[in-house]
């Protein structure tokens, strides 16, 4: 309730400077289903983003905004608000129905506070590679996960973007699971990530990303984990000589809207938004794969050491992880793994 109250306050502040709120279109539809469905209505939406240009989510949003404008002949305009300028992810999600924003591009895992199923986004070693990831999220299973998570949380989930496998950047060499015993690294303050590293005997330390560079410099932590290209954006190559390709998590970015508002839109607008989200996800996924390859080549040029670990050994070490820690996700994890061409 406190979050909802805060969100309403934020919405009021935003509304004072912008008329383009949730359902707030240039045709003056104020979240009313009949008004929103007015034939020929135009829409100006605020897209909330934590990041800025160059980041996976932001660049996916750019593709989406261009495509949805094209598909609707200019009836839908999406304005991008990067750098968490509309609030934190949790604040924006809580405030979507109040007009804090109309749409957000974020990872599936950010919805874990609404439904445990969203934790599947960070389940370790359920994807074998890029093709496996793309096959899953382009399949009926991928749509089923989006629908189930959306229904449980009150949102409409669309598209799916490959973010790159999460790896470890480290101040020391690491090769095996045993090397991670007692290893102190920065990890997201989310249950799935913390339990993943605890399972390996490491010491995950939650902290803000903007504090991580200094923590690595000072030796407060010895490493952090993120996709390679993202880690390059944070200049971790300056403080971490070793880049360990654990490839432990393949996370998915997607577009999130308030379900009630999405349902109130005309069917042609709904179709265009969904098509634009799918298009943006596919386009950015290919670009992200290229960015990962470029990042690795750049790291080598800079004198960093890329370490290819035995990911099959790491994967085997996680046998029983879901059963013990997230039994409600075991069936989902098994279904995802079953789609790997390697099995």
Foldseek 3Di string as FASTA:
>chain_A
DVLLVVLLVLLVVVCVVDQQFALRAPQRGDLDLVSQAPPPAAHEWEEEEQADPPALQNQLVVLLQVQLCVLVVNRYHYDYDYNCPLHDPSSCLSNQVNGSTFKYKDWLCVLCVQPVLSLVQFAWDLADDLVLVVDCCVDPNVVVSQVVSCVSRQKRWAAKAWRAFKWKFFQDDDADLQSQAQAEEEEDPDPNGCLLSVLSNYHYDHDDPVCRLVCLVVVVHGIYMDHLLVCVVSVCLVRGQEIEPLSTGTIIIIMIGRNSSLVSHHPSSNVSSRVSRNVSRVVSNVVSVVSSVVSVVVSVVVNGHYHYYPNVNVSVSCVCVCVVPPVVCVVVSVVSSVSHPVD
